[in-house]
Amino acid sequence: MFITRIKLKNWRNFRTADVRIGERAFLIGPNASGKSNFLDIFRFMGDIVNRGGLQIALMMRGGLSTIQCLSAKREESLELEFHFSPSLEASSEPKFKYILGIKSQVKGKPQSQITQITQITREEVWENGSKILQRPDENDKKDKLRLTQTSLEQISLNQKFREIYEYFSSIKYIHIVPQFLKHPGMFKKESALKDDYSFDFLERIADMPEEVRQSRLSKIETALKIVVPQLKDIKLVLDSSGPHFEAVFEHWEPSAVQREDQFSDGTLRLIGMIWALFEDNSLLLLEEPEVSLNASILNHIPSLIYRITGKKKKKQQILISTHSIDLLSNAGIAGEEVLIFEPGKEGTEIKPCSCFEDIRLLLESGLKPSEVMVPLIRPQNILAMELFE
């Protein structure tokens, strides 16, 4: 099952949005246009089913006010709508639709302590065109506290649409923070909630069956030897302090090894990204994979992704946010895979490349996405930076 369409209302940068996605999408746009906030939609849903529910997911983000569009009126709800289809074919009809609407409700009387709690204003599930869940329902009206929890997060209530729950629960966000790997003792677990993949990365590898772990590390080693000068061997070892990477280089003594705290940031990020591509996730979110990587490597990242995921029996959706011209220069990126984020006075609009007739024609003539789209995402007054005093 795949998410094939997303509708947003009052989510962060987006007053409204209606986006169709396929097997792979590249998110491009200026800084602060909403690319990370778009990825956070999926993380938010994953946190609802994995972290302890709607209220925890909101608390992790500082409350509803921090994720609600600033242009939204006080009485308006924030709404997210997801369409799930069994196939990525354009003609495939959605099997499920899940809609979640939430809004802050004032609790308390005049001259008493007034607080705001977030309640569900709308929760619907549609299966093959028929509505199988409608909230608020009569039970919700009798007990308003029920509206602080989604049916999606409750195993006893989501049996008819458990596939949606399982999809969101297997979403993986990848933005390796090398400092978490190099100096884990300097960070508390709570500080890594937004990037637990980095914090638990070595433990995740160590927990894999040895045969699977060795097979994946062997493939990663092959890739690293291409881009890391004189790398000879890389492996995972366990000692009293936990799991660690160890690497040996051709120009060193055989007994001399490097651990992960001596690896370059780019090496660690590349290892993390490749390992994530081997995992079985419903949706993989890659945020700015270009960070710390050599420009010559970036052009081949889309092809690397295709080579690894293309061999899987089960297709996997991947969303990639990027500012990298080098990454977008890959000839394998199709125009329909690119989503352009355009900020405006009423919020950011998300437009597929196919909406622009001139861009489509230029791509069909043989130009690369980077050659056509970069002018659209470059700040209009960027030359003024040189005149800054």
Protein backbone atom coordinates (compact mmCIF):
# COMPACT_ATOMS: atom_id res chain seq x y z
CA MET A 1 0.00 0.00 0.00
CA PHE A 2 1.22 3.49 -0.85
CA ILE A 3 0.30 7.08 -0.08
CA THR A 4 -0.65 8.54 -3.44
CA ARG A 5 -2.28 11.83 -2.47
CA ILE A 6 -2.10 14.26 0.46
CA LYS A 7 -4.40 17.19 1.21
CA LEU A 8 -3.41 19.78 3.80
CA LYS A 9 -5.29 22.56 5.50
CA ASN A 10 -3.56 24.97 7.90
CA TRP A 11 -0.44 22.84 8.42
CA ARG A 12 2.61 25.03 9.15
CA ASN A 13 3.59 26.88 5.94
CA PHE A 14 0.60 25.59 4.02
CA ARG A 15 -2.79 27.27 4.06
CA THR A 16 -3.99 24.56 1.69
CA ALA A 17 -2.21 21.99 -0.46
CA ASP A 18 -3.16 19.03 -2.60
CA VAL A 19 -0.20 16.88 -3.60
CA ARG A 20 0.10 13.61 -5.50
CA ILE A 21 3.22 11.51 -4.92
CA GLY A 22 4.63 8.44 -6.59
CA GLU A 23 7.45 6.06 -5.81
CA ARG A 24 9.98 8.87 -5.49
CA ALA A 25 9.73 12.65 -5.03
CA PHE A 26 12.36 15.38 -4.86
CA LEU A 27 11.29 18.43 -2.85
CA ILE A 28 12.93 21.66 -3.97
CA GLY A 29 12.41 25.28 -2.99
CA PRO A 30 14.03 28.24 -1.22
CA ASN A 31 15.05 28.14 2.43
CA ALA A 32 12.06 28.29 4.82
CA SER A 33 9.64 27.35 2.03
CA GLY A 34 8.33 24.35 3.96
CA LYS A 35 10.21 21.30 2.70
CA SER A 36 11.09 20.08 6.19
CA ASN A 37 7.61 20.93 7.41
CA PHE A 38 6.14 18.83 4.62
CA LEU A 39 8.28 15.86 5.64
CA ASP A 40 7.15 16.41 9.23
CA ILE A 41 3.56 15.58 8.24
CA PHE A 42 4.58 11.94 7.91
CA ARG A 43 6.73 12.02 11.04
CA PHE A 44 3.79 13.50 12.93
CA MET A 45 1.56 10.62 11.90
CA GLY A 46 4.33 8.17 12.73
CA ASP A 47 4.66 9.73 16.19
CA ILE A 48 0.91 9.37 16.77
CA VAL A 49 1.07 5.60 16.28
CA ASN A 50 4.59 4.99 17.68
CA ARG A 51 5.19 7.57 20.43
CA GLY A 52 2.02 7.31 22.46
CA GLY A 53 -0.72 9.12 20.60
CA LEU A 54 -1.90 12.47 19.31
CA GLN A 55 -1.18 14.48 22.45
CA ILE A 56 2.41 13.23 22.68
CA ALA A 57 3.00 13.98 18.98
CA LEU A 58 1.74 17.53 19.57
CA MET A 59 3.80 17.97 22.73
CA MET A 60 6.96 16.93 20.88
CA ARG A 61 6.36 19.87 18.55
CA GLY A 62 5.47 22.42 21.19
CA GLY A 63 1.70 22.16 20.89
CA LEU A 64 -0.87 22.80 18.19
CA SER A 65 -0.05 26.50 17.91
CA THR A 66 3.44 25.72 16.59
CA ILE A 67 2.22 23.54 13.71
CA GLN A 68 -0.92 25.47 12.76
CA CYS A 69 -0.59 27.87 9.83
CA LEU A 70 -0.21 31.46 11.02
CA SER A 71 -2.70 32.55 8.35
CA ALA A 72 -5.41 30.31 9.79
CA LYS A 73 -8.33 31.85 11.63
CA ARG A 74 -8.77 30.99 15.29
CA GLU A 75 -11.92 28.93 14.69
CA GLU A 76 -10.44 26.88 11.85
CA SER A 77 -9.17 23.33 12.25
CA LEU A 78 -5.91 21.87 11.06
CA GLU A 79 -6.70 19.00 8.71
CA LEU A 80 -4.63 16.26 7.09
CA GLU A 81 -5.99 13.86 4.48
CA PHE A 82 -4.14 10.82 3.12
CA HIS A 83 -5.12 8.59 0.19
CA PHE A 84 -3.73 5.04 0.20
CA SER A 85 -3.67 2.95 -2.96
CA PRO A 86 -2.57 -0.64 -3.58
CA SER A 87 -0.59 0.49 -6.62
CA LEU A 88 1.42 3.52 -7.73
CA GLU A 89 -0.25 3.49 -11.13
CA ALA A 90 -1.87 6.84 -11.90
CA SER A 91 -5.19 5.11 -12.56
CA SER A 92 -5.18 3.27 -9.22
CA GLU A 93 -8.15 4.21 -7.05
CA PRO A 94 -7.53 4.70 -3.32
CA LYS A 95 -8.34 1.75 -1.10
CA PHE A 96 -8.32 3.90 2.03
CA LYS A 97 -8.72 7.57 2.84
CA TYR A 98 -7.78 8.82 6.30
CA ILE A 99 -8.77 12.32 7.41
CA LEU A 100 -7.76 13.95 10.69
CA GLY A 101 -8.89 17.38 11.85
CA ILE A 102 -7.82 18.94 15.17
CA LYS A 103 -8.42 22.25 16.93
CA SER A 104 -7.69 23.83 20.30
CA GLN A 105 -10.64 24.01 22.66
CA VAL A 106 -10.77 26.47 25.56
CA LYS A 107 -11.29 24.76 28.90
CA GLY A 108 -12.28 26.74 31.97
CA LYS A 109 -14.68 29.46 33.02
CA PRO A 110 -14.19 33.22 33.32
CA GLN A 111 -12.14 34.27 36.36
CA SER A 112 -10.76 30.72 36.62
CA GLN A 113 -7.65 29.21 35.11
CA ILE A 114 -8.22 28.85 31.37
CA THR A 115 -6.28 26.23 29.42
CA GLN A 116 -6.41 25.03 25.86
CA ILE A 117 -6.61 21.38 24.97
CA THR A 118 -6.42 19.94 21.48
CA GLN A 119 -9.40 17.88 20.40
CA ILE A 120 -10.36 16.02 17.27
CA THR A 121 -12.85 17.91 15.14
CA ARG A 122 -12.91 15.29 12.42
CA GLU A 123 -11.63 11.75 12.01
CA GLU A 124 -12.83 9.75 9.04
CA VAL A 125 -11.77 6.53 7.36
CA TRP A 126 -13.05 5.55 3.93
CA GLU A 127 -12.54 2.11 2.43
CA ASN A 128 -13.23 1.58 -1.28
CA GLY A 129 -15.48 4.63 -1.34
CA SER A 130 -17.51 3.74 1.79
CA LYS A 131 -17.12 5.55 5.09
CA ILE A 132 -16.22 3.09 7.86
CA LEU A 133 -15.37 5.61 10.60
CA GLN A 134 -16.97 8.96 11.40
CA ARG A 135 -15.97 11.07 14.39
CA PRO A 136 -17.09 12.82 16.49
CA ASP A 137 -19.74 10.16 17.10
CA GLU A 138 -22.43 9.78 19.78
CA ASN A 139 -19.95 8.36 22.30
CA ASP A 140 -17.65 11.35 21.73
CA LYS A 141 -20.50 13.75 22.40
CA LYS A 142 -21.19 12.03 25.72
CA ASP A 143 -17.52 12.01 26.73
CA LYS A 144 -15.46 14.86 25.26
CA LEU A 145 -12.26 13.38 26.67
CA ARG A 146 -12.46 10.71 23.96
CA LEU A 147 -11.72 13.45 21.42
CA THR A 148 -8.18 13.83 22.73
CA GLN A 149 -7.28 10.46 21.19
CA THR A 150 -7.48 9.26 17.61
CA SER A 151 -9.00 5.91 16.74
CA LEU A 152 -5.88 5.31 14.64
CA GLU A 153 -3.62 5.14 17.70
CA GLN A 154 -5.86 2.66 19.56
CA ILE A 155 -5.36 -0.99 18.70
CA SER A 156 -8.83 -1.84 19.96
CA LEU A 157 -10.41 0.61 17.51
CA ASN A 158 -8.25 0.47 14.36
CA GLN A 159 -8.73 -3.17 13.42
CA LYS A 160 -10.72 -2.37 10.26
CA PHE A 161 -7.99 -0.05 8.98
CA ARG A 162 -4.91 -1.57 10.62
CA GLU A 163 -3.08 -1.25 7.29
CA ILE A 164 -3.02 2.53 7.74
CA TYR A 165 -1.62 2.16 11.24
CA GLU A 166 1.08 -0.21 9.99
CA TYR A 167 2.01 2.13 7.15
CA PHE A 168 2.54 5.11 9.44
CA SER A 169 4.33 3.00 12.07
CA SER A 170 7.02 1.91 9.58
CA ILE A 171 7.87 5.39 8.24
CA LYS A 172 11.56 6.20 8.71
CA TYR A 173 13.13 9.66 8.78
CA ILE A 174 16.84 9.88 7.93
CA HIS A 175 18.97 12.87 8.80
CA ILE A 176 22.10 11.44 10.37
CA VAL A 177 23.65 13.77 12.95
CA PRO A 178 27.30 12.67 13.16
CA GLN A 179 27.77 14.19 16.62
CA PHE A 180 25.20 11.76 18.06
CA LEU A 181 27.29 8.85 16.78
CA LYS A 182 30.66 10.28 17.67
CA HIS A 183 29.83 11.56 21.16
CA PRO A 184 26.63 9.87 22.37
CA GLY A 185 27.47 10.53 26.01
CA MET A 186 27.12 14.28 25.47
CA PHE A 187 23.43 14.00 24.57
CA LYS A 188 20.42 12.92 26.56
CA LYS A 189 17.99 10.53 24.93
CA GLU A 190 15.25 13.17 25.14
CA SER A 191 17.32 15.59 23.06
CA ALA A 192 17.34 13.13 20.18
CA LEU A 193 13.61 12.50 19.88
CA LYS A 194 13.48 14.30 16.55
CA ASP A 195 16.33 12.21 15.18
CA ASP A 196 16.32 8.90 17.00
CA TYR A 197 17.73 7.14 13.94
CA SER A 198 21.03 8.90 14.55
CA PHE A 199 20.98 8.27 18.27
CA ASP A 200 20.19 4.56 18.02
CA PHE A 201 21.89 3.87 14.70
CA LEU A 202 24.71 1.62 15.94
CA GLU A 203 22.34 -0.30 18.22
CA ARG A 204 19.94 -0.85 15.31
CA ILE A 205 22.75 -2.37 13.27
CA ALA A 206 23.93 -4.53 16.18
CA ASP A 207 20.40 -5.87 16.71
CA MET A 208 20.17 -7.21 13.16
CA PRO A 209 20.77 -10.95 12.59
CA GLU A 210 24.48 -11.41 11.99
CA GLU A 211 24.07 -12.80 8.48
CA VAL A 212 21.94 -9.83 7.39
CA ARG A 213 24.23 -7.34 9.13
CA GLN A 214 27.37 -8.71 7.50
CA SER A 215 25.75 -8.78 4.08
CA ARG A 216 24.66 -5.14 4.28
CA LEU A 217 27.95 -3.93 5.75
CA SER A 218 29.81 -5.73 2.97
CA LYS A 219 27.79 -3.84 0.35
CA ILE A 220 28.29 -0.55 2.20
CA GLU A 221 32.03 -1.25 2.35
CA THR A 222 32.07 -1.76 -1.42
CA ALA A 223 30.39 1.61 -1.94
CA LEU A 224 32.65 3.39 0.54
CA LYS A 225 35.80 2.06 -1.11
CA ILE A 226 34.80 3.99 -4.22
CA VAL A 227 34.55 7.35 -2.45
CA VAL A 228 36.76 7.05 0.67
CA PRO A 229 40.48 6.99 -0.26
CA GLN A 230 42.39 3.83 0.71
CA LEU A 231 39.61 2.31 2.81
CA LYS A 232 40.37 -1.38 3.24
CA ASP A 233 37.83 -2.75 5.68
CA ILE A 234 34.89 -1.64 7.84
CA LYS A 235 33.08 -3.69 10.43
CA LEU A 236 30.92 -3.45 13.54
CA VAL A 237 32.44 -4.61 16.83
CA LEU A 238 30.95 -4.99 20.29
CA ASP A 239 32.75 -4.14 23.51
CA SER A 240 31.87 -3.09 27.05
CA SER A 241 30.84 0.39 25.87
CA GLY A 242 28.51 -0.92 23.16
CA PRO A 243 28.66 -1.33 19.38
CA HIS A 244 31.25 0.60 17.34
CA PHE A 245 32.40 0.91 13.76
CA GLU A 246 36.03 0.05 13.06
CA ALA A 247 37.79 0.87 9.79
CA VAL A 248 41.23 -0.07 8.47
CA PHE A 249 43.03 1.85 5.72
CA GLU A 250 45.66 0.62 3.26
CA HIS A 251 48.35 3.09 4.40
CA TRP A 252 48.09 2.16 8.09
CA GLU A 253 49.61 -0.60 10.16
CA PRO A 254 47.29 -3.63 10.17
CA SER A 255 46.64 -3.18 13.89
CA ALA A 256 45.70 0.51 13.56
CA VAL A 257 41.98 1.16 13.30
CA GLN A 258 39.64 4.16 13.25
CA ARG A 259 36.42 4.24 15.21
CA GLU A 260 33.29 6.19 14.32
CA ASP A 261 34.36 9.20 16.40
CA GLN A 262 37.27 9.58 13.93
CA PHE A 263 35.17 9.12 10.80
CA SER A 264 34.38 12.16 8.69
CA ASP A 265 30.82 13.50 8.93
CA GLY A 266 30.28 12.69 5.27
CA THR A 267 31.33 9.05 5.76
CA LEU A 268 28.90 8.59 8.64
CA ARG A 269 26.05 10.22 6.76
CA LEU A 270 26.70 8.05 3.69
CA ILE A 271 26.76 4.88 5.80
CA GLY A 272 23.50 5.88 7.47
CA MET A 273 21.76 6.66 4.20
CA ILE A 274 22.81 3.43 2.47
CA TRP A 275 21.86 1.32 5.49
CA ALA A 276 18.42 2.99 5.55
CA LEU A 277 17.90 2.13 1.89
CA PHE A 278 18.37 -1.55 2.73
CA GLU A 279 15.71 -1.48 5.45
CA ASP A 280 12.06 -2.32 4.81
CA ASN A 281 10.07 0.86 5.37
CA SER A 282 6.78 1.94 3.88
CA LEU A 283 8.10 5.45 3.38
CA LEU A 284 11.66 6.76 3.69
CA LEU A 285 12.20 10.46 4.34
CA LEU A 286 15.65 11.79 3.37
CA GLU A 287 16.32 15.36 4.43
CA GLU A 288 19.16 17.08 2.58
CA PRO A 289 21.32 13.99 1.91
CA GLU A 290 23.90 16.32 0.34
CA VAL A 291 25.13 17.64 3.71
CA SER A 292 28.87 16.90 4.24
CA LEU A 293 29.17 14.95 0.98
CA ASN A 294 31.53 15.71 -1.89
CA ALA A 295 29.76 17.29 -4.87
CA SER A 296 30.96 14.55 -7.22
CA ILE A 297 29.17 11.94 -5.07
CA LEU A 298 25.86 13.79 -5.06
CA ASN A 299 25.19 13.42 -8.76
CA HIS A 300 25.10 9.64 -8.28
CA ILE A 301 22.88 9.55 -5.17
CA PRO A 302 19.57 9.23 -7.12
CA SER A 303 21.05 6.35 -9.15
CA LEU A 304 22.33 4.68 -5.97
CA ILE A 305 18.85 4.93 -4.45
CA TYR A 306 17.32 3.42 -7.58
CA ARG A 307 19.86 0.56 -7.70
CA ILE A 308 19.30 -0.46 -4.08
CA THR A 309 15.52 -0.02 -3.81
CA GLY A 310 14.88 -1.36 -7.31
CA LYS A 311 16.06 -4.81 -6.25
CA LYS A 312 13.57 -5.07 -3.42
CA LYS A 313 10.57 -7.31 -3.87
CA LYS A 314 8.39 -4.71 -2.17
CA LYS A 315 8.39 -1.21 -3.63
CA GLN A 316 9.26 1.62 -1.29
CA GLN A 317 8.31 5.29 -1.43
CA ILE A 318 11.07 7.83 -0.90
CA LEU A 319 10.77 11.60 -0.37
CA ILE A 320 13.98 13.62 -0.66
CA SER A 321 14.36 17.30 0.22
CA THR A 322 17.39 18.97 -1.34
CA HIS A 323 19.09 22.23 -2.25
CA SER A 324 21.82 20.47 -4.21
CA ILE A 325 22.29 21.39 -7.86
CA ASP A 326 24.69 18.46 -8.18
CA LEU A 327 22.10 15.97 -6.91
CA LEU A 328 19.43 17.37 -9.24
CA SER A 329 21.85 17.06 -12.15
CA ASN A 330 21.33 13.31 -12.22
CA ALA A 331 19.93 12.38 -15.62
CA GLY A 332 17.66 9.73 -14.10
CA ILE A 333 15.40 12.23 -12.33
CA ALA A 334 12.11 12.60 -14.19
CA GLY A 335 10.24 15.88 -14.22
CA GLU A 336 7.15 14.36 -12.62
CA GLU A 337 9.26 13.34 -9.61
CA VAL A 338 10.03 16.95 -8.68
CA LEU A 339 7.78 19.00 -6.39
CA ILE A 340 8.44 22.75 -6.36
CA PHE A 341 7.71 24.71 -3.16
CA GLU A 342 6.74 28.32 -3.87
CA PRO A 343 6.32 30.63 -0.84
CA GLY A 344 3.68 33.35 -1.08
CA LYS A 345 1.80 35.82 1.10
CA GLU A 346 -0.92 33.23 1.80
CA GLY A 347 1.52 30.41 2.48
CA THR A 348 3.55 27.99 0.39
CA GLU A 349 2.16 26.32 -2.71
CA ILE A 350 3.39 22.91 -3.82
CA LYS A 351 3.39 22.40 -7.56
CA PRO A 352 4.57 19.36 -9.50
CA CYS A 353 6.96 20.12 -12.29
CA SER A 354 4.34 18.96 -14.77
CA CYS A 355 2.29 22.09 -13.98
CA PHE A 356 4.84 24.22 -15.79
CA GLU A 357 4.49 23.77 -19.54
CA ASP A 358 7.79 25.52 -20.32
CA ILE A 359 9.71 23.35 -17.84
CA ARG A 360 8.14 20.17 -19.19
CA LEU A 361 9.15 21.06 -22.74
CA LEU A 362 12.71 21.90 -21.71
CA LEU A 363 13.06 18.58 -19.88
CA GLU A 364 11.69 16.71 -22.87
CA SER A 365 14.33 18.43 -25.00
CA GLY A 366 17.06 16.81 -22.88
CA LEU A 367 17.89 19.39 -20.22
CA LYS A 368 18.48 18.19 -16.65
CA PRO A 369 16.22 19.21 -13.74
CA SER A 370 19.03 21.31 -12.24
CA GLU A 371 19.38 23.32 -15.45
CA VAL A 372 15.68 24.08 -15.62
CA MET A 373 14.46 24.38 -12.04
CA VAL A 374 17.23 26.06 -10.09
CA PRO A 375 16.21 29.53 -11.34
CA LEU A 376 12.77 28.88 -9.84
CA ILE A 377 14.11 28.19 -6.36
CA ARG A 378 16.91 30.74 -6.25
CA PRO A 379 16.07 33.86 -4.13
CA GLN A 380 15.15 36.66 -6.52
CA ASN A 381 17.50 39.21 -4.95
CA ILE A 382 20.42 36.89 -4.23
CA LEU A 383 22.95 39.24 -5.89
CA ALA A 384 22.21 41.76 -3.13
CA MET A 385 24.17 39.46 -0.77
CA GLU A 386 27.38 40.73 -2.38
CA LEU A 387 26.44 44.32 -1.49
CA PHE A 388 25.69 43.56 2.15
CA GLU A 389 27.52 45.84 4.58
